[in-house]
Amino acid sequence: MKFLASRELGRLTKWLRILGFDAAYFREANKSSFIITALREDRIVLTRNKILLKDKALNSLFIKSEILGDQLKQVFRDLNISHSDCKMFTRCIICNRELGSVEKGGVEALVPKYVYQTQERFSRCPQCNRVYWQGTHWGNVEEILDRVSR
């Protein structure tokens, strides 16, 4: 499932990426470019902008709430997404690319010393080179995911 979020849904986009979904974020105000991108890339449009919903060619979902937790619940409910559909921490939260595994020795200079000493598995974004590891945030996200997917 691939998403294209309009510019007022940046936090939702980040969380969809954290949960492992391909979630593009459109910052521009150009409606035509937004629609072309959604159609060309076969993405589900997520928006709080009612004007974008007028184009019937788009597969879209109007996000009702301004509250992130409610937004996630709505996306899960309305698009019939379950906990098992999520692949947490498999995408870069900055540029949306799929992460690749990287050898521990290859990240020593890129992560804090404590992280290097306490973690064994690392992932890296092939585009922006950001390094990820399974820290304490993993449990926090898992807890939020449980609440959202109920």
Protein backbone atom coordinates (compact mmCIF):
# COMPACT_ATOMS: atom_id res chain seq x y z
CA MET A 1 0.00 0.00 0.00
CA LYS A 2 1.47 3.33 -1.12
CA PHE A 3 0.37 6.73 0.13
CA LEU A 4 0.72 10.34 -0.96
CA ALA A 5 0.04 12.79 1.86
CA SER A 6 -0.71 16.44 1.25
CA ARG A 7 1.37 19.10 2.94
CA GLU A 8 -0.74 19.40 6.10
CA LEU A 9 -0.06 15.77 7.04
CA GLY A 10 3.69 15.71 7.67
CA ARG A 11 3.51 13.98 11.07
CA LEU A 12 1.15 11.32 9.73
CA THR A 13 3.55 10.71 6.84
CA LYS A 14 6.45 10.22 9.24
CA TRP A 15 4.47 7.72 11.32
CA LEU A 16 3.35 5.75 8.28
CA ARG A 17 7.02 5.47 7.31
CA ILE A 18 7.93 4.36 10.85
CA LEU A 19 5.31 1.63 10.49
CA GLY A 20 6.86 0.53 7.20
CA PHE A 21 4.53 2.04 4.62
CA ASP A 22 5.65 3.77 1.43
CA ALA A 23 4.41 7.26 2.28
CA ALA A 24 5.38 10.12 0.00
CA TYR A 25 4.94 13.65 1.28
CA PHE A 26 3.93 16.42 -1.10
CA ARG A 27 5.00 19.84 0.22
CA GLU A 28 4.10 21.90 -2.84
CA ALA A 29 0.83 23.79 -3.26
CA ASN A 30 0.52 22.77 -6.93
CA LYS A 31 -2.70 20.74 -7.13
CA SER A 32 -2.03 19.49 -10.67
CA SER A 33 1.41 18.12 -9.78
CA PHE A 34 -0.07 16.44 -6.70
CA ILE A 35 -2.77 14.70 -8.75
CA ILE A 36 -0.33 13.65 -11.48
CA THR A 37 2.04 12.20 -8.86
CA ALA A 38 -0.77 10.28 -7.16
CA LEU A 39 -2.02 8.80 -10.44
CA ARG A 40 1.41 8.08 -11.94
CA GLU A 41 2.64 6.31 -8.80
CA ASP A 42 -0.72 4.65 -8.02
CA ARG A 43 -0.86 6.08 -4.49
CA ILE A 44 -3.72 6.48 -2.05
CA VAL A 45 -4.12 10.18 -1.35
CA LEU A 46 -4.33 11.22 2.29
CA THR A 47 -5.45 14.80 2.75
CA ARG A 48 -7.30 17.30 4.91
CA ASN A 49 -7.83 19.49 1.83
CA LYS A 50 -11.37 19.01 0.50
CA ILE A 51 -10.47 20.59 -2.85
CA LEU A 52 -8.19 17.64 -3.64
CA LEU A 53 -11.07 15.23 -3.05
CA LYS A 54 -13.06 16.67 -5.94
CA ASP A 55 -10.95 14.75 -8.46
CA LYS A 56 -12.84 11.45 -8.74
CA ALA A 57 -9.90 9.71 -10.47
CA LEU A 58 -7.99 9.74 -7.20
CA ASN A 59 -8.12 6.94 -4.67
CA SER A 60 -8.32 9.21 -1.65
CA LEU A 61 -9.12 9.41 2.03
CA PHE A 62 -10.11 12.63 3.77
CA ILE A 63 -8.41 12.73 7.17
CA LYS A 64 -10.95 14.14 9.61
CA SER A 65 -8.85 14.88 12.68
CA GLU A 66 -5.89 17.13 13.37
CA ILE A 67 -4.73 14.73 16.12
CA LEU A 68 -2.08 12.26 15.00
CA GLY A 69 -3.40 9.27 16.98
CA ASP A 70 -6.88 9.76 15.55
CA GLN A 71 -5.41 10.13 12.05
CA LEU A 72 -3.57 6.82 12.36
CA LYS A 73 -6.69 5.09 13.72
CA GLN A 74 -8.74 6.41 10.81
CA VAL A 75 -6.23 5.25 8.20
CA PHE A 76 -6.08 1.79 9.78
CA ARG A 77 -9.86 1.54 10.12
CA ASP A 78 -10.91 3.00 6.77
CA LEU A 79 -8.26 1.18 4.73
CA ASN A 80 -8.59 -2.08 6.67
CA ILE A 81 -4.96 -2.14 7.77
CA SER A 82 -3.95 -4.47 10.57
CA HIS A 83 -0.97 -4.76 12.88
CA SER A 84 0.41 -7.56 10.70
CA ASP A 85 0.51 -5.24 7.65
CA CYS A 86 3.17 -3.12 9.35
CA LYS A 87 6.89 -3.64 8.86
CA MET A 88 8.23 -1.28 11.48
CA PHE A 89 11.49 0.55 10.88
CA THR A 90 12.04 -0.71 7.34
CA ARG A 91 11.86 2.75 5.72
CA CYS A 92 13.82 5.93 6.18
CA ILE A 93 11.65 8.43 8.04
CA ILE A 94 13.39 11.28 6.20
CA CYS A 95 13.38 10.24 2.53
CA ASN A 96 11.03 7.21 2.46
CA ARG A 97 13.53 4.79 0.90
CA GLU A 98 13.66 1.15 2.02
CA LEU A 99 16.46 0.52 4.49
CA GLY A 100 19.20 -2.02 3.91
CA SER A 101 21.13 -4.02 6.48
CA VAL A 102 24.64 -2.87 7.16
CA GLU A 103 27.52 -4.60 8.95
CA LYS A 104 28.14 -3.34 12.46
CA GLY A 105 31.73 -2.39 11.64
CA GLY A 106 30.50 -0.13 8.86
CA VAL A 107 28.67 2.21 11.23
CA GLU A 108 31.09 2.63 14.12
CA ALA A 109 31.99 6.20 13.18
CA LEU A 110 28.35 7.07 12.44
CA VAL A 111 26.59 6.20 15.70
CA PRO A 112 27.13 7.12 19.34
CA LYS A 113 29.71 4.95 21.14
CA TYR A 114 27.11 3.54 23.57
CA VAL A 115 24.82 2.54 20.69
CA TYR A 116 27.69 0.83 18.91
CA GLN A 117 28.59 -1.09 22.07
CA THR A 118 25.03 -2.18 22.91
CA GLN A 119 23.47 -2.87 19.50
CA GLU A 120 24.24 -5.62 17.02
CA ARG A 121 21.93 -4.90 14.08
CA PHE A 122 21.93 -1.73 12.03
CA SER A 123 20.12 -0.50 8.92
CA ARG A 124 21.05 2.32 6.60
CA CYS A 125 19.21 4.44 4.09
CA PRO A 126 20.74 4.09 0.62
CA GLN A 127 19.78 7.67 -0.27
CA CYS A 128 20.57 9.88 2.74
CA ASN A 129 22.86 7.40 4.59
CA ARG A 130 21.01 7.83 7.88
CA VAL A 131 21.69 4.88 10.23
CA TYR A 132 18.96 3.14 12.26
CA TRP A 133 19.02 0.59 15.08
CA GLN A 134 16.52 -1.04 17.41
CA GLY A 135 16.60 1.19 20.48
CA THR A 136 14.08 1.80 23.22
CA HIS A 137 11.85 3.63 20.74
CA TRP A 138 10.94 0.24 19.24
CA GLY A 139 8.81 -0.66 22.26
CA ASN A 140 7.18 2.77 22.30
CA VAL A 141 6.16 2.46 18.65
CA GLU A 142 4.92 -1.09 19.24
CA GLU A 143 2.70 0.20 22.04
CA ILE A 144 1.27 2.96 19.85
CA LEU A 145 0.70 0.49 17.02
CA ASP A 146 -1.24 -1.80 19.37
CA ARG A 147 -3.49 1.10 20.40
CA VAL A 148 -4.06 2.25 16.83
CA SER A 149 -4.76 -1.16 15.33
CA ARG A 150 -7.36 -2.18 17.93
